[in-house]
Amino acid sequence: MSDGPTVWLTGASSGIGANLCTRLLDSGATVVSFARRPPSISHARLHAVEVDLSDAKATRDAFAGAANTWPTTRVIHNAGAIREKPLDEVQDSDLETLSQLHLGTAIAMVQAVLPQMRAAGHGRVVLMTTRAIVGLEKRTVYSATKAGMVGMGRTWALELAPLGVTVNMVAPGPIDDTEMFNDVVPKGTEQIERVAGRVPVGRLGRPSDVSRAVEFFLSDEADFVTGQLLFVCGGTSVGSMSFT
């Protein structure tokens, strides 16, 4: 990443996205953040676009504007939400919101940069899914829409390979020090110790564990890897996982 590329990143204001944003900046990249809140850091090469990614029109408008101002061939769709609910409490609005956030945003993002990728003969797309796609209680809509990202990403990998564009997915497991995880499993509780004890490698993940995987897929050196799903989960995708 020493050439200082521009990278679009959704959800850069907290958790994995914030860690990834910092690492990309440290590597010399220019980062364009798309989130409801701006990142907590400031940097000359960091540009924040405040947008509600669950709003389809606002999302497309934000990407269209960014394509004119900060064109790129590298995008990471990291933003997400859980909507933890048992099946009998799931509502239509949950499906609508997370379908737009996880799937609609990814489609709009990649469509916005395709002309630049086509012209450059190069591109990197990284989609953040989740270990929950293999099953986790109270994750009906979250796991379904995140699983949809995998099928979508593999389809894109086939379509875009002739353009020199790779598309890969990263599936984090239980990652501590993130809002999404700590909203469900609060820090300083017995619950977090129980969850950590169920991880085969014996600890919870760190945002940097996930960032390193994303950085590999984003790199020029990963040009022979496409359509792949990498679990960064401490082994929890191999066995069962529970947050109770």
Protein backbone atom coordinates (compact mmCIF):
# COMPACT_ATOMS: atom_id res chain seq x y z
CA MET A 1 0.00 0.00 0.00
CA SER A 2 3.00 2.31 -0.30
CA ASP A 3 1.61 3.89 -3.47
CA GLY A 4 -0.96 5.71 -1.37
CA PRO A 5 -4.23 4.42 -2.89
CA THR A 6 -7.65 5.79 -2.07
CA VAL A 7 -9.86 3.35 -0.15
CA TRP A 8 -13.59 3.67 0.49
CA LEU A 9 -14.64 2.24 3.85
CA THR A 10 -18.10 2.01 5.37
CA GLY A 11 -18.47 1.97 9.14
CA ALA A 12 -15.11 3.57 9.91
CA SER A 13 -16.33 5.38 13.02
CA SER A 14 -16.00 2.48 15.49
CA GLY A 15 -14.79 -1.04 16.16
CA ILE A 16 -13.19 -2.97 13.32
CA GLY A 17 -13.79 -0.10 10.90
CA ALA A 18 -12.00 2.40 13.13
CA ASN A 19 -9.02 0.08 13.54
CA LEU A 20 -8.90 -0.57 9.81
CA CYS A 21 -9.15 3.14 9.06
CA THR A 22 -6.15 3.90 11.27
CA ARG A 23 -4.08 1.07 9.77
CA LEU A 24 -4.85 2.20 6.23
CA LEU A 25 -3.88 5.77 7.02
CA ASP A 26 -0.67 4.57 8.64
CA SER A 27 0.14 2.66 5.45
CA GLY A 28 -0.16 5.82 3.37
CA ALA A 29 -3.65 5.36 1.97
CA THR A 30 -6.30 8.01 1.62
CA VAL A 31 -9.50 6.85 3.34
CA VAL A 32 -13.04 7.96 2.54
CA SER A 33 -15.36 7.03 5.42
CA PHE A 34 -19.09 6.48 5.01
CA ALA A 35 -21.04 6.32 8.27
CA ARG A 36 -23.65 8.11 10.35
CA ARG A 37 -20.87 9.46 12.57
CA PRO A 38 -17.46 10.78 11.55
CA PRO A 39 -14.39 8.84 12.71
CA SER A 40 -13.01 9.88 16.10
CA ILE A 41 -9.65 10.70 14.55
CA SER A 42 -8.68 13.46 12.14
CA HIS A 43 -6.11 13.17 9.39
CA ALA A 44 -5.22 15.06 6.24
CA ARG A 45 -5.91 11.92 4.19
CA LEU A 46 -9.18 11.05 5.92
CA HIS A 47 -12.46 12.30 4.42
CA ALA A 48 -15.74 11.67 6.22
CA VAL A 49 -19.07 11.41 4.42
CA GLU A 50 -21.89 11.35 6.99
CA VAL A 51 -24.72 9.22 5.65
CA ASP A 52 -27.34 6.81 6.96
CA LEU A 53 -26.53 3.70 4.96
CA SER A 54 -29.96 2.24 5.71
CA ASP A 55 -31.41 5.01 3.53
CA ALA A 56 -31.11 3.76 -0.05
CA LYS A 57 -31.35 7.12 -1.81
CA ALA A 58 -29.01 8.92 0.58
CA THR A 59 -26.52 6.09 0.20
CA ARG A 60 -26.51 6.20 -3.60
CA ASP A 61 -26.20 9.99 -3.55
CA ALA A 62 -23.23 9.77 -1.15
CA PHE A 63 -21.41 7.26 -3.32
CA ALA A 64 -22.11 9.21 -6.49
CA GLY A 65 -20.66 12.35 -4.96
CA ALA A 66 -17.60 10.51 -3.66
CA ALA A 67 -16.98 8.93 -7.07
CA ASN A 68 -16.56 12.42 -8.50
CA THR A 69 -14.40 13.73 -5.66
CA TRP A 70 -12.38 10.70 -4.53
CA PRO A 71 -12.40 8.07 -7.31
CA THR A 72 -11.09 4.69 -6.27
CA THR A 73 -10.66 1.05 -7.23
CA ARG A 74 -10.60 -0.28 -3.63
CA VAL A 75 -13.72 -0.56 -1.48
CA ILE A 76 -14.53 -2.20 1.84
CA HIS A 77 -18.12 -2.64 3.02
CA ASN A 78 -17.72 -3.05 6.76
CA ALA A 79 -20.79 -1.31 8.22
CA GLY A 80 -23.39 -3.53 9.82
CA ALA A 81 -26.05 -3.96 12.50
CA ILE A 82 -27.36 -6.98 14.38
CA ARG A 83 -31.02 -6.40 15.43
CA GLU A 84 -30.79 -9.24 17.99
CA LYS A 85 -34.27 -10.79 18.36
CA PRO A 86 -35.83 -14.23 18.76
CA LEU A 87 -37.73 -15.40 15.69
CA ASP A 88 -41.20 -14.53 17.02
CA GLU A 89 -40.17 -10.88 17.48
CA VAL A 90 -38.61 -10.31 14.05
CA GLN A 91 -40.40 -7.55 12.13
CA ASP A 92 -40.61 -6.62 8.47
CA SER A 93 -38.73 -3.40 9.25
CA ASP A 94 -35.76 -5.44 10.52
CA LEU A 95 -35.53 -7.26 7.20
CA GLU A 96 -35.92 -4.06 5.19
CA THR A 97 -33.30 -2.14 7.17
CA LEU A 98 -30.62 -4.82 7.28
CA SER A 99 -31.19 -5.85 3.67
CA GLN A 100 -30.44 -2.28 2.63
CA LEU A 101 -27.54 -1.87 5.05
CA HIS A 102 -25.79 -5.14 4.24
CA LEU A 103 -26.83 -5.84 0.65
CA GLY A 104 -28.18 -2.65 -0.89
CA THR A 105 -25.24 -0.57 0.33
CA ALA A 106 -22.75 -3.07 -1.07
CA ILE A 107 -24.45 -3.03 -4.46
CA ALA A 108 -24.59 0.78 -4.59
CA MET A 109 -20.97 1.07 -3.47
CA VAL A 110 -19.56 -1.25 -6.10
CA GLN A 111 -21.75 0.12 -8.86
CA ALA A 112 -20.42 3.62 -8.09
CA VAL A 113 -16.79 2.57 -8.56
CA LEU A 114 -17.20 0.12 -11.45
CA PRO A 115 -16.47 2.71 -14.16
CA GLN A 116 -13.17 3.58 -12.46
CA MET A 117 -12.29 -0.09 -11.98
CA ARG A 118 -13.11 -0.84 -15.60
CA ALA A 119 -10.94 2.02 -16.81
CA ALA A 120 -8.05 1.02 -14.54
CA GLY A 121 -8.27 -2.71 -15.25
CA HIS A 122 -7.95 -3.25 -11.51
CA GLY A 123 -10.06 -3.40 -8.40
CA ARG A 124 -10.46 -4.78 -4.91
CA VAL A 125 -13.78 -5.40 -3.16
CA VAL A 126 -13.89 -6.70 0.42
CA LEU A 127 -17.21 -7.48 2.07
CA MET A 128 -17.49 -7.94 5.84
CA THR A 129 -19.82 -10.77 6.73
CA THR A 130 -19.91 -12.73 10.02
CA ARG A 131 -19.32 -16.06 11.68
CA ALA A 132 -23.06 -16.00 12.49
CA ILE A 133 -23.85 -17.12 8.92
CA VAL A 134 -23.26 -20.70 10.11
CA GLY A 135 -25.89 -20.21 12.84
CA LEU A 136 -26.38 -18.22 16.04
CA GLU A 137 -29.43 -17.69 18.20
CA LYS A 138 -31.45 -14.47 17.79
CA ARG A 139 -29.71 -13.56 14.52
CA THR A 140 -32.42 -14.37 11.96
CA VAL A 141 -32.14 -11.24 9.82
CA TYR A 142 -28.49 -10.50 10.59
CA SER A 143 -27.28 -13.97 9.62
CA ALA A 144 -29.56 -14.12 6.57
CA THR A 145 -28.45 -10.81 5.07
CA LYS A 146 -24.81 -11.39 5.92
CA ALA A 147 -25.01 -14.84 4.29
CA GLY A 148 -26.48 -13.10 1.27
CA MET A 149 -23.31 -11.03 1.04
CA VAL A 150 -21.32 -14.23 0.53
CA GLY A 151 -23.45 -15.41 -2.39
CA MET A 152 -23.40 -11.93 -3.84
CA GLY A 153 -19.64 -11.61 -3.46
CA ARG A 154 -18.97 -14.93 -5.16
CA THR A 155 -21.21 -13.94 -8.03
CA TRP A 156 -19.36 -10.65 -8.40
CA ALA A 157 -16.02 -12.47 -8.28
CA LEU A 158 -17.03 -14.34 -11.43
CA GLU A 159 -18.49 -11.31 -13.19
CA LEU A 160 -15.65 -8.93 -12.40
CA ALA A 161 -12.62 -11.20 -12.77
CA PRO A 162 -12.21 -10.30 -16.47
CA LEU A 163 -11.90 -6.66 -15.38
CA GLY A 164 -9.00 -7.41 -13.02
CA VAL A 165 -11.25 -7.00 -9.98
CA THR A 166 -11.16 -9.40 -7.04
CA VAL A 167 -14.01 -9.81 -4.55
CA ASN A 168 -13.52 -11.51 -1.19
CA MET A 169 -15.34 -11.81 2.12
CA VAL A 170 -14.13 -11.73 5.73
CA ALA A 171 -16.25 -13.31 8.47
CA PRO A 172 -15.31 -12.16 11.99
CA GLY A 173 -16.21 -14.20 15.03
CA PRO A 174 -16.56 -12.72 18.54
CA ILE A 175 -14.49 -9.52 18.38
CA ASP A 176 -14.11 -7.60 21.64
CA ASP A 177 -13.81 -3.80 21.81
CA THR A 178 -16.50 -3.29 19.19
CA GLU A 179 -19.89 -1.69 19.76
CA MET A 180 -21.76 -4.51 18.05
CA PHE A 181 -20.21 -7.20 20.25
CA ASN A 182 -20.20 -5.29 23.54
CA ASP A 183 -23.82 -4.23 23.13
CA VAL A 184 -24.68 -7.93 23.28
CA VAL A 185 -21.87 -9.10 25.59
CA PRO A 186 -20.98 -6.22 27.95
CA LYS A 187 -17.39 -5.77 29.06
CA GLY A 188 -16.57 -6.56 32.68
CA THR A 189 -19.29 -9.21 33.03
CA GLU A 190 -19.26 -12.94 33.66
CA GLN A 191 -20.93 -13.34 30.27
CA ILE A 192 -17.89 -12.06 28.41
CA GLU A 193 -15.68 -14.51 30.29
CA ARG A 194 -18.01 -17.39 29.37
CA VAL A 195 -18.02 -16.42 25.71
CA ALA A 196 -14.22 -16.11 25.64
CA GLY A 197 -13.96 -19.53 27.24
CA ARG A 198 -15.94 -21.09 24.40
CA VAL A 199 -13.56 -19.82 21.72
CA PRO A 200 -11.24 -22.69 20.71
CA VAL A 201 -8.11 -20.51 20.69
CA GLY A 202 -8.93 -19.33 24.22
CA ARG A 203 -9.55 -15.63 23.71
CA LEU A 204 -11.85 -13.14 22.07
CA GLY A 205 -10.78 -11.57 18.82
CA ARG A 206 -9.33 -8.09 18.44
CA PRO A 207 -10.21 -5.59 15.71
CA SER A 208 -6.65 -5.83 14.42
CA ASP A 209 -7.10 -9.59 13.81
CA VAL A 210 -9.78 -8.76 11.28
CA SER A 211 -8.00 -5.72 9.83
CA ARG A 212 -5.00 -7.81 8.85
CA ALA A 213 -7.19 -10.18 6.84
CA VAL A 214 -8.89 -7.27 5.07
CA GLU A 215 -5.54 -5.67 4.26
CA PHE A 216 -4.38 -8.88 2.59
CA PHE A 217 -7.44 -9.06 0.32
CA LEU A 218 -7.05 -5.36 -0.46
CA SER A 219 -3.42 -5.65 -1.50
CA ASP A 220 -2.00 -5.90 -5.01
CA GLU A 221 -0.35 -9.19 -3.99
CA ALA A 222 -3.78 -10.85 -3.60
CA ASP A 223 -4.55 -10.74 -7.32
CA PHE A 224 -4.92 -14.55 -7.59
CA VAL A 225 -7.43 -14.79 -4.73
CA THR A 226 -11.08 -14.05 -5.47
CA GLY A 227 -14.51 -15.29 -4.40
CA GLN A 228 -13.14 -16.50 -1.08
CA LEU A 229 -14.59 -16.38 2.43
CA LEU A 230 -12.11 -16.17 5.30
CA PHE A 231 -13.37 -16.79 8.84
CA VAL A 232 -11.42 -14.77 11.44
CA CYS A 233 -13.13 -16.36 14.38
CA GLY A 234 -10.70 -18.19 16.65
CA GLY A 235 -12.13 -21.52 15.50
CA THR A 236 -15.76 -20.79 16.42
CA SER A 237 -16.94 -21.52 12.86
CA VAL A 238 -15.75 -25.11 13.32
CA GLY A 239 -17.92 -25.81 16.39
CA SER A 240 -20.87 -24.24 18.16
CA MET A 241 -21.06 -20.72 19.58
CA SER A 242 -23.44 -19.17 22.11
CA PHE A 243 -23.55 -15.75 23.78
CA THR A 244 -25.65 -16.99 26.70
